[in-house]
Amino acid sequence: MKKIIAREFLWLLVISLLSAPLALLFLSALDIASKGYTLSLNEKDFIMELFILAYFINFAGLYLARLIVLAVKTLTSDSSPKP
């Protein structure tokens, strides 16, 4: 049981670290991540809110992809005894 908890904790850390660059990539795809002009306070708030939203969407997407891979691996594993 400790091994399962440790593995899930490591996945949580990895997915947490991968979500931030992916959220930044999302913002740069929208061309609002690194504007050269001065932003108003409302624009800065909007960009921060959009980054947080993109972070959580990426986090959920990565974890869902990990669960799907685990489910497919579980379903395709041959656990029936051989004669």
PDB file of N, CA and C in Angstrom:
ATOM      1  N   MET A   1       0.816  -1.187   0.000  1.00  0.00           N
ATOM      2  CA  MET A   1       0.000   0.000   0.000  1.00  0.00           C
ATOM      3  C   MET A   1       0.870   1.265   0.000  1.00  0.00           C
ATOM      4  N   LYS A   2       1.984   1.233   0.730  1.00  0.00           N
ATOM      5  CA  LYS A   2       2.873   2.390   0.767  1.00  0.00           C
ATOM      6  C   LYS A   2       3.469   2.674  -0.604  1.00  0.00           C
ATOM      7  N   LYS A   3       3.727   1.603  -1.346  1.00  0.00           N
ATOM      8  CA  LYS A   3       4.306   1.763  -2.684  1.00  0.00           C
ATOM      9  C   LYS A   3       3.318   2.465  -3.619  1.00  0.00           C
ATOM     10  N   ILE A   4       2.048   2.130  -3.517  1.00  0.00           N
ATOM     11  CA  ILE A   4       1.020   2.753  -4.354  1.00  0.00           C
ATOM     12  C   ILE A   4       0.884   4.235  -4.006  1.00  0.00           C
ATOM     13  N   ILE A   5       0.869   4.548  -2.717  1.00  0.00           N
ATOM     14  CA  ILE A   5       0.749   5.942  -2.282  1.00  0.00           C
ATOM     15  C   ILE A   5       1.965   6.749  -2.723  1.00  0.00           C
ATOM     16  N   ALA A   6       3.144   6.170  -2.610  1.00  0.00           N
ATOM     17  CA  ALA A   6       4.362   6.863  -3.034  1.00  0.00           C
ATOM     18  C   ALA A   6       4.356   7.113  -4.544  1.00  0.00           C
ATOM     19  N   ARG A   7       3.908   6.132  -5.312  1.00  0.00           N
ATOM     20  CA  ARG A   7       3.857   6.285  -6.769  1.00  0.00           C
ATOM     21  C   ARG A   7       2.860   7.383  -7.153  1.00  0.00           C
ATOM     22  N   GLU A   8       1.696   7.396  -6.519  1.00  0.00           N
ATOM     23  CA  GLU A   8       0.700   8.424  -6.819  1.00  0.00           C
ATOM     24  C   GLU A   8       1.197   9.815  -6.418  1.00  0.00           C
ATOM     25  N   PHE A   9       1.932   9.899  -5.310  1.00  0.00           N
ATOM     26  CA  PHE A   9       2.490  11.178  -4.884  1.00  0.00           C
ATOM     27  C   PHE A   9       3.510  11.688  -5.899  1.00  0.00           C
ATOM     28  N   LEU A  10       4.344  10.793  -6.417  1.00  0.00           N
ATOM     29  CA  LEU A  10       5.313  11.198  -7.438  1.00  0.00           C
ATOM     30  C   LEU A  10       4.616  11.645  -8.715  1.00  0.00           C
ATOM     31  N   TRP A  11       3.564  10.948  -9.108  1.00  0.00           N
ATOM     32  CA  TRP A  11       2.795  11.378 -10.279  1.00  0.00           C
ATOM     33  C   TRP A  11       2.181  12.746 -10.034  1.00  0.00           C
ATOM     34  N   LEU A  12       1.686  12.988  -8.841  1.00  0.00           N
ATOM     35  CA  LEU A  12       1.110  14.289  -8.503  1.00  0.00           C
ATOM     36  C   LEU A  12       2.154  15.394  -8.647  1.00  0.00           C
ATOM     37  N   LEU A  13       3.364  15.145  -8.173  1.00  0.00           N
ATOM     38  CA  LEU A  13       4.432  16.138  -8.300  1.00  0.00           C
ATOM     39  C   LEU A  13       4.810  16.373  -9.757  1.00  0.00           C
ATOM     40  N   VAL A  14       4.955  15.305 -10.514  1.00  0.00           N
ATOM     41  CA  VAL A  14       5.346  15.439 -11.921  1.00  0.00           C
ATOM     42  C   VAL A  14       4.279  16.194 -12.703  1.00  0.00           C
ATOM     43  N   ILE A  15       3.026  15.842 -12.488  1.00  0.00           N
ATOM     44  CA  ILE A  15       1.946  16.512 -13.210  1.00  0.00           C
ATOM     45  C   ILE A  15       1.837  17.971 -12.776  1.00  0.00           C
ATOM     46  N   SER A  16       2.072  18.257 -11.516  1.00  0.00           N
ATOM     47  CA  SER A  16       2.051  19.646 -11.046  1.00  0.00           C
ATOM     48  C   SER A  16       3.140  20.465 -11.717  1.00  0.00           C
ATOM     49  N   LEU A  17       4.311  19.868 -11.889  1.00  0.00           N
ATOM     50  CA  LEU A  17       5.411  20.586 -12.528  1.00  0.00           C
ATOM     51  C   LEU A  17       5.202  20.729 -14.031  1.00  0.00           C
ATOM     52  N   LEU A  18       4.593  19.756 -14.672  1.00  0.00           N
ATOM     53  CA  LEU A  18       4.371  19.836 -16.112  1.00  0.00           C
ATOM     54  C   LEU A  18       3.227  20.774 -16.480  1.00  0.00           C
ATOM     55  N   SER A  19       2.313  21.000 -15.580  1.00  0.00           N
ATOM     56  CA  SER A  19       1.155  21.835 -15.888  1.00  0.00           C
ATOM     57  C   SER A  19       1.522  23.309 -16.056  1.00  0.00           C
ATOM     58  N   ALA A  20       2.492  23.786 -15.316  1.00  0.00           N
ATOM     59  CA  ALA A  20       2.871  25.203 -15.397  1.00  0.00           C
ATOM     60  C   ALA A  20       3.448  25.573 -16.766  1.00  0.00           C
ATOM     61  N   PRO A  21       4.433  24.832 -17.304  1.00  0.00           N
ATOM     62  CA  PRO A  21       4.916  25.201 -18.640  1.00  0.00           C
ATOM     63  C   PRO A  21       3.855  25.033 -19.726  1.00  0.00           C
ATOM     64  N   LEU A  22       2.986  24.048 -19.569  1.00  0.00           N
ATOM     65  CA  LEU A  22       1.925  23.875 -20.553  1.00  0.00           C
ATOM     66  C   LEU A  22       0.931  25.022 -20.504  1.00  0.00           C
ATOM     67  N   ALA A  23       0.639  25.538 -19.314  1.00  0.00           N
ATOM     68  CA  ALA A  23      -0.244  26.696 -19.196  1.00  0.00           C
ATOM     69  C   ALA A  23       0.407  27.929 -19.823  1.00  0.00           C
ATOM     70  N   LEU A  24       1.706  28.085 -19.621  1.00  0.00           N
ATOM     71  CA  LEU A  24       2.423  29.196 -20.235  1.00  0.00           C
ATOM     72  C   LEU A  24       2.450  29.045 -21.755  1.00  0.00           C
ATOM     73  N   LEU A  25       2.585  27.823 -22.231  1.00  0.00           N
ATOM     74  CA  LEU A  25       2.536  27.561 -23.666  1.00  0.00           C
ATOM     75  C   LEU A  25       1.162  27.921 -24.225  1.00  0.00           C
ATOM     76  N   PHE A  26       0.119  27.623 -23.471  1.00  0.00           N
ATOM     77  CA  PHE A  26      -1.235  27.991 -23.861  1.00  0.00           C
ATOM     78  C   PHE A  26      -1.383  29.506 -23.969  1.00  0.00           C
ATOM     79  N   LEU A  27      -0.863  30.232 -22.987  1.00  0.00           N
ATOM     80  CA  LEU A  27      -0.946  31.690 -23.025  1.00  0.00           C
ATOM     81  C   LEU A  27      -0.124  32.272 -24.167  1.00  0.00           C
ATOM     82  N   SER A  28       1.018  31.670 -24.446  1.00  0.00           N
ATOM     83  CA  SER A  28       1.820  32.179 -25.557  1.00  0.00           C
ATOM     84  C   SER A  28       1.168  31.848 -26.896  1.00  0.00           C
ATOM     85  N   ALA A  29       0.409  30.758 -26.966  1.00  0.00           N
ATOM     86  CA  ALA A  29      -0.327  30.453 -28.194  1.00  0.00           C
ATOM     87  C   ALA A  29      -1.426  31.488 -28.427  1.00  0.00           C
ATOM     88  N   LEU A  30      -1.974  32.021 -27.358  1.00  0.00           N
ATOM     89  CA  LEU A  30      -2.955  33.097 -27.475  1.00  0.00           C
ATOM     90  C   LEU A  30      -2.289  34.460 -27.679  1.00  0.00           C
ATOM     91  N   ASP A  31      -0.969  34.477 -27.637  1.00  0.00           N
ATOM     92  CA  ASP A  31      -0.154  35.674 -27.845  1.00  0.00           C
ATOM     93  C   ASP A  31      -0.401  36.743 -26.782  1.00  0.00           C
ATOM     94  N   ILE A  32      -0.579  36.308 -25.531  1.00  0.00           N
ATOM     95  CA  ILE A  32      -0.721  37.276 -24.445  1.00  0.00           C
ATOM     96  C   ILE A  32       0.266  37.021 -23.315  1.00  0.00           C
ATOM     97  N   ALA A  33       1.180  36.071 -23.502  1.00  0.00           N
ATOM     98  CA  ALA A  33       2.098  35.724 -22.422  1.00  0.00           C
ATOM     99  C   ALA A  33       3.203  36.757 -22.261  1.00  0.00           C
ATOM    100  N   SER A  34       3.697  37.291 -23.344  1.00  0.00           N
ATOM    101  CA  SER A  34       4.831  38.211 -23.225  1.00  0.00           C
ATOM    102  C   SER A  34       4.646  39.403 -24.167  1.00  0.00           C
ATOM    103  N   LYS A  35       3.725  40.247 -23.822  1.00  0.00           N
ATOM    104  CA  LYS A  35       3.520  41.467 -24.598  1.00  0.00           C
ATOM    105  C   LYS A  35       4.554  42.508 -24.178  1.00  0.00           C
ATOM    106  N   GLY A  36       4.989  43.283 -25.131  1.00  0.00           N
ATOM    107  CA  GLY A  36       6.012  44.272 -24.868  1.00  0.00           C
ATOM    108  C   GLY A  36       5.484  45.588 -24.342  1.00  0.00           C
ATOM    109  N   TYR A  37       4.182  45.814 -24.427  1.00  0.00           N
ATOM    110  CA  TYR A  37       3.641  47.092 -23.987  1.00  0.00           C
ATOM    111  C   TYR A  37       3.173  47.015 -22.534  1.00  0.00           C
ATOM    112  N   THR A  38       2.876  48.156 -21.977  1.00  0.00           N
ATOM    113  CA  THR A  38       2.443  48.234 -20.582  1.00  0.00           C
ATOM    114  C   THR A  38       0.988  47.787 -20.470  1.00  0.00           C
ATOM    115  N   LEU A  39       0.731  46.914 -19.525  1.00  0.00           N
ATOM    116  CA  LEU A  39      -0.613  46.388 -19.323  1.00  0.00           C
ATOM    117  C   LEU A  39      -1.285  47.107 -18.162  1.00  0.00           C
ATOM    118  N   SER A  40      -2.583  47.261 -18.278  1.00  0.00           N
ATOM    119  CA  SER A  40      -3.328  47.844 -17.172  1.00  0.00           C
ATOM    120  C   SER A  40      -3.502  46.788 -16.075  1.00  0.00           C
ATOM    121  N   LEU A  41      -3.965  47.226 -14.938  1.00  0.00           N
ATOM    122  CA  LEU A  41      -4.154  46.312 -13.816  1.00  0.00           C
ATOM    123  C   LEU A  41      -5.210  45.256 -14.139  1.00  0.00           C
ATOM    124  N   ASN A  42      -6.272  45.658 -14.817  1.00  0.00           N
ATOM    125  CA  ASN A  42      -7.311  44.695 -15.195  1.00  0.00           C
ATOM    126  C   ASN A  42      -6.784  43.644 -16.168  1.00  0.00           C
ATOM    127  N   GLU A  43      -5.941  44.065 -17.102  1.00  0.00           N
ATOM    128  CA  GLU A  43      -5.361  43.118 -18.058  1.00  0.00           C
ATOM    129  C   GLU A  43      -4.422  42.135 -17.359  1.00  0.00           C
ATOM    130  N   LYS A  44      -3.661  42.625 -16.405  1.00  0.00           N
ATOM    131  CA  LYS A  44      -2.774  41.732 -15.647  1.00  0.00           C
ATOM    132  C   LYS A  44      -3.575  40.724 -14.843  1.00  0.00           C
ATOM    133  N   ASP A  45      -4.671  41.160 -14.237  1.00  0.00           N
ATOM    134  CA  ASP A  45      -5.543  40.246 -13.493  1.00  0.00           C
ATOM    135  C   ASP A  45      -6.143  39.195 -14.416  1.00  0.00           C
ATOM    136  N   PHE A  46      -6.592  39.626 -15.596  1.00  0.00           N
ATOM    137  CA  PHE A  46      -7.177  38.701 -16.549  1.00  0.00           C
ATOM    138  C   PHE A  46      -6.165  37.650 -16.994  1.00  0.00           C
ATOM    139  N   ILE A  47      -4.932  38.074 -17.253  1.00  0.00           N
ATOM    140  CA  ILE A  47      -3.892  37.139 -17.680  1.00  0.00           C
ATOM    141  C   ILE A  47      -3.579  36.153 -16.564  1.00  0.00           C
ATOM    142  N   MET A  48      -3.532  36.614 -15.311  1.00  0.00           N
ATOM    143  CA  MET A  48      -3.270  35.718 -14.187  1.00  0.00           C
ATOM    144  C   MET A  48      -4.410  34.726 -14.014  1.00  0.00           C
ATOM    145  N   GLU A  49      -5.648  35.187 -14.129  1.00  0.00           N
ATOM    146  CA  GLU A  49      -6.793  34.284 -14.023  1.00  0.00           C
ATOM    147  C   GLU A  49      -6.796  33.261 -15.146  1.00  0.00           C
ATOM    148  N   LEU A  50      -6.439  33.690 -16.338  1.00  0.00           N
ATOM    149  CA  LEU A  50      -6.372  32.782 -17.472  1.00  0.00           C
ATOM    150  C   LEU A  50      -5.257  31.757 -17.286  1.00  0.00           C
ATOM    151  N   PHE A  51      -4.127  32.178 -16.712  1.00  0.00           N
ATOM    152  CA  PHE A  51      -3.035  31.247 -16.440  1.00  0.00           C
ATOM    153  C   PHE A  51      -3.465  30.196 -15.415  1.00  0.00           C
ATOM    154  N   ILE A  52      -4.137  30.626 -14.352  1.00  0.00           N
ATOM    155  CA  ILE A  52      -4.590  29.686 -13.325  1.00  0.00           C
ATOM    156  C   ILE A  52      -5.601  28.709 -13.904  1.00  0.00           C
ATOM    157  N   LEU A  53      -6.520  29.214 -14.724  1.00  0.00           N
ATOM    158  CA  LEU A  53      -7.493  28.337 -15.377  1.00  0.00           C
ATOM    159  C   LEU A  53      -6.795  27.335 -16.293  1.00  0.00           C
ATOM    160  N   ALA A  54      -5.841  27.795 -17.090  1.00  0.00           N
ATOM    161  CA  ALA A  54      -5.103  26.901 -17.983  1.00  0.00           C
ATOM    162  C   ALA A  54      -4.292  25.882 -17.186  1.00  0.00           C
ATOM    163  N   TYR A  55      -3.746  26.295 -16.049  1.00  0.00           N
ATOM    164  CA  TYR A  55      -2.984  25.372 -15.201  1.00  0.00           C
ATOM    165  C   TYR A  55      -3.868  24.220 -14.730  1.00  0.00           C
ATOM    166  N   PHE A  56      -5.056  24.541 -14.222  1.00  0.00           N
ATOM    167  CA  PHE A  56      -5.935  23.489 -13.714  1.00  0.00           C
ATOM    168  C   PHE A  56      -6.487  22.613 -14.833  1.00  0.00           C
ATOM    169  N   ILE A  57      -6.746  23.192 -15.985  1.00  0.00           N
ATOM    170  CA  ILE A  57      -7.196  22.392 -17.119  1.00  0.00           C
ATOM    171  C   ILE A  57      -6.087  21.426 -17.549  1.00  0.00           C
ATOM    172  N   ASN A  58      -4.857  21.904 -17.615  1.00  0.00           N
ATOM    173  CA  ASN A  58      -3.732  21.037 -17.974  1.00  0.00           C
ATOM    174  C   ASN A  58      -3.502  19.971 -16.913  1.00  0.00           C
ATOM    175  N   PHE A  59      -3.640  20.338 -15.647  1.00  0.00           N
ATOM    176  CA  PHE A  59      -3.468  19.378 -14.564  1.00  0.00           C
ATOM    177  C   PHE A  59      -4.491  18.255 -14.691  1.00  0.00           C
ATOM    178  N   ALA A  60      -5.751  18.617 -14.889  1.00  0.00           N
ATOM    179  CA  ALA A  60      -6.812  17.610 -15.016  1.00  0.00           C
ATOM    180  C   ALA A  60      -6.614  16.769 -16.266  1.00  0.00           C
ATOM    181  N   GLY A  61      -6.212  17.392 -17.355  1.00  0.00           N
ATOM    182  CA  GLY A  61      -5.988  16.657 -18.596  1.00  0.00           C
ATOM    183  C   GLY A  61      -4.844  15.664 -18.491  1.00  0.00           C
ATOM    184  N   LEU A  62      -3.748  16.084 -17.887  1.00  0.00           N
ATOM    185  CA  LEU A  62      -2.607  15.173 -17.728  1.00  0.00           C
ATOM    186  C   LEU A  62      -2.944  14.008 -16.802  1.00  0.00           C
ATOM    187  N   TYR A  63      -3.638  14.302 -15.719  1.00  0.00           N
ATOM    188  CA  TYR A  63      -3.990  13.226 -14.791  1.00  0.00           C
ATOM    189  C   TYR A  63      -5.005  12.279 -15.425  1.00  0.00           C
ATOM    190  N   LEU A  64      -5.933  12.813 -16.204  1.00  0.00           N
ATOM    191  CA  LEU A  64      -6.891  11.972 -16.908  1.00  0.00           C
ATOM    192  C   LEU A  64      -6.187  11.085 -17.927  1.00  0.00           C
ATOM    193  N   ALA A  65      -5.225  11.632 -18.647  1.00  0.00           N
ATOM    194  CA  ALA A  65      -4.460  10.829 -19.604  1.00  0.00           C
ATOM    195  C   ALA A  65      -3.699   9.720 -18.883  1.00  0.00           C
ATOM    196  N   ARG A  66      -3.152  10.018 -17.725  1.00  0.00           N
ATOM    197  CA  ARG A  66      -2.435   9.005 -16.952  1.00  0.00           C
ATOM    198  C   ARG A  66      -3.378   7.901 -16.499  1.00  0.00           C
ATOM    199  N   LEU A  67      -4.585   8.267 -16.068  1.00  0.00           N
ATOM    200  CA  LEU A  67      -5.565   7.265 -15.643  1.00  0.00           C
ATOM    201  C   LEU A  67      -6.045   6.413 -16.815  1.00  0.00           C
ATOM    202  N   ILE A  68      -6.190   7.017 -17.985  1.00  0.00           N
ATOM    203  CA  ILE A  68      -6.602   6.250 -19.165  1.00  0.00           C
ATOM    204  C   ILE A  68      -5.529   5.239 -19.542  1.00  0.00           C
ATOM    205  N   VAL A  69      -4.280   5.656 -19.526  1.00  0.00           N
ATOM    206  CA  VAL A  69      -3.185   4.728 -19.826  1.00  0.00           C
ATOM    207  C   VAL A  69      -3.155   3.596 -18.810  1.00  0.00           C
ATOM    208  N   LEU A  70      -3.354   3.902 -17.546  1.00  0.00           N
ATOM    209  CA  LEU A  70      -3.378   2.875 -16.510  1.00  0.00           C
ATOM    210  C   LEU A  70      -4.544   1.915 -16.715  1.00  0.00           C
ATOM    211  N   ALA A  71      -5.702   2.442 -17.106  1.00  0.00           N
ATOM    212  CA  ALA A  71      -6.865   1.583 -17.342  1.00  0.00           C
ATOM    213  C   ALA A  71      -6.645   0.663 -18.534  1.00  0.00           C
ATOM    214  N   VAL A  72      -6.082   1.197 -19.610  1.00  0.00           N
ATOM    215  CA  VAL A  72      -5.813   0.369 -20.786  1.00  0.00           C
ATOM    216  C   VAL A  72      -4.779  -0.694 -20.454  1.00  0.00           C
ATOM    217  N   LYS A  73      -3.767  -0.319 -19.697  1.00  0.00           N
ATOM    218  CA  LYS A  73      -2.745  -1.281 -19.303  1.00  0.00           C
ATOM    219  C   LYS A  73      -3.348  -2.394 -18.436  1.00  0.00           C
ATOM    220  N   THR A  74      -4.245  -2.024 -17.540  1.00  0.00           N
ATOM    221  CA  THR A  74      -4.898  -3.005 -16.677  1.00  0.00           C
ATOM    222  C   THR A  74      -5.796  -3.940 -17.484  1.00  0.00           C
ATOM    223  N   LEU A  75      -6.535  -3.383 -18.429  1.00  0.00           N
ATOM    224  CA  LEU A  75      -7.435  -4.197 -19.248  1.00  0.00           C
ATOM    225  C   LEU A  75      -6.708  -5.124 -20.210  1.00  0.00           C
ATOM    226  N   THR A  76      -5.551  -4.719 -20.674  1.00  0.00           N
ATOM    227  CA  THR A  76      -4.835  -5.544 -21.649  1.00  0.00           C
ATOM    228  C   THR A  76      -3.851  -6.512 -21.003  1.00  0.00           C
ATOM    229  N   SER A  77      -3.636  -6.391 -19.711  1.00  0.00           N
ATOM    230  CA  SER A  77      -2.705  -7.316 -19.065  1.00  0.00           C
ATOM    231  C   SER A  77      -3.336  -8.701 -19.015  1.00  0.00           C
ATOM    232  N   ASP A  78      -2.532  -9.700 -19.255  1.00  0.00           N
ATOM    233  CA  ASP A  78      -3.019 -11.072 -19.274  1.00  0.00           C
ATOM    234  C   ASP A  78      -2.870 -11.645 -17.878  1.00  0.00           C
ATOM    235  N   SER A  79      -3.976 -11.617 -17.116  1.00  0.00           N
ATOM    236  CA  SER A  79      -3.931 -12.106 -15.755  1.00  0.00           C
ATOM    237  C   SER A  79      -4.543 -13.495 -15.606  1.00  0.00           C
ATOM    238  N   SER A  80      -4.991 -14.060 -16.716  1.00  0.00           N
ATOM    239  CA  SER A  80      -5.572 -15.410 -16.634  1.00  0.00           C
ATOM    240  C   SER A  80      -4.439 -16.446 -16.531  1.00  0.00           C
ATOM    241  N   PRO A  81      -4.647 -17.481 -15.715  1.00  0.00           N
ATOM    242  CA  PRO A  81      -3.600 -18.480 -15.562  1.00  0.00           C
ATOM    243  C   PRO A  81      -3.445 -19.331 -16.826  1.00  0.00           C
ATOM    244  N   LYS A  82      -2.228 -19.649 -17.154  1.00  0.00           N
ATOM    245  CA  LYS A  82      -1.926 -20.483 -18.314  1.00  0.00           C
ATOM    246  C   LYS A  82      -2.017 -21.958 -17.932  1.00  0.00           C
ATOM    247  N   PRO A  83      -2.575 -22.791 -18.809  1.00  0.00           N
ATOM    248  CA  PRO A  83      -2.676 -24.222 -18.478  1.00  0.00           C
ATOM    249  C   PRO A  83      -1.363 -24.942 -18.568  1.00  0.00           C
TER     250      PRO A  83
END
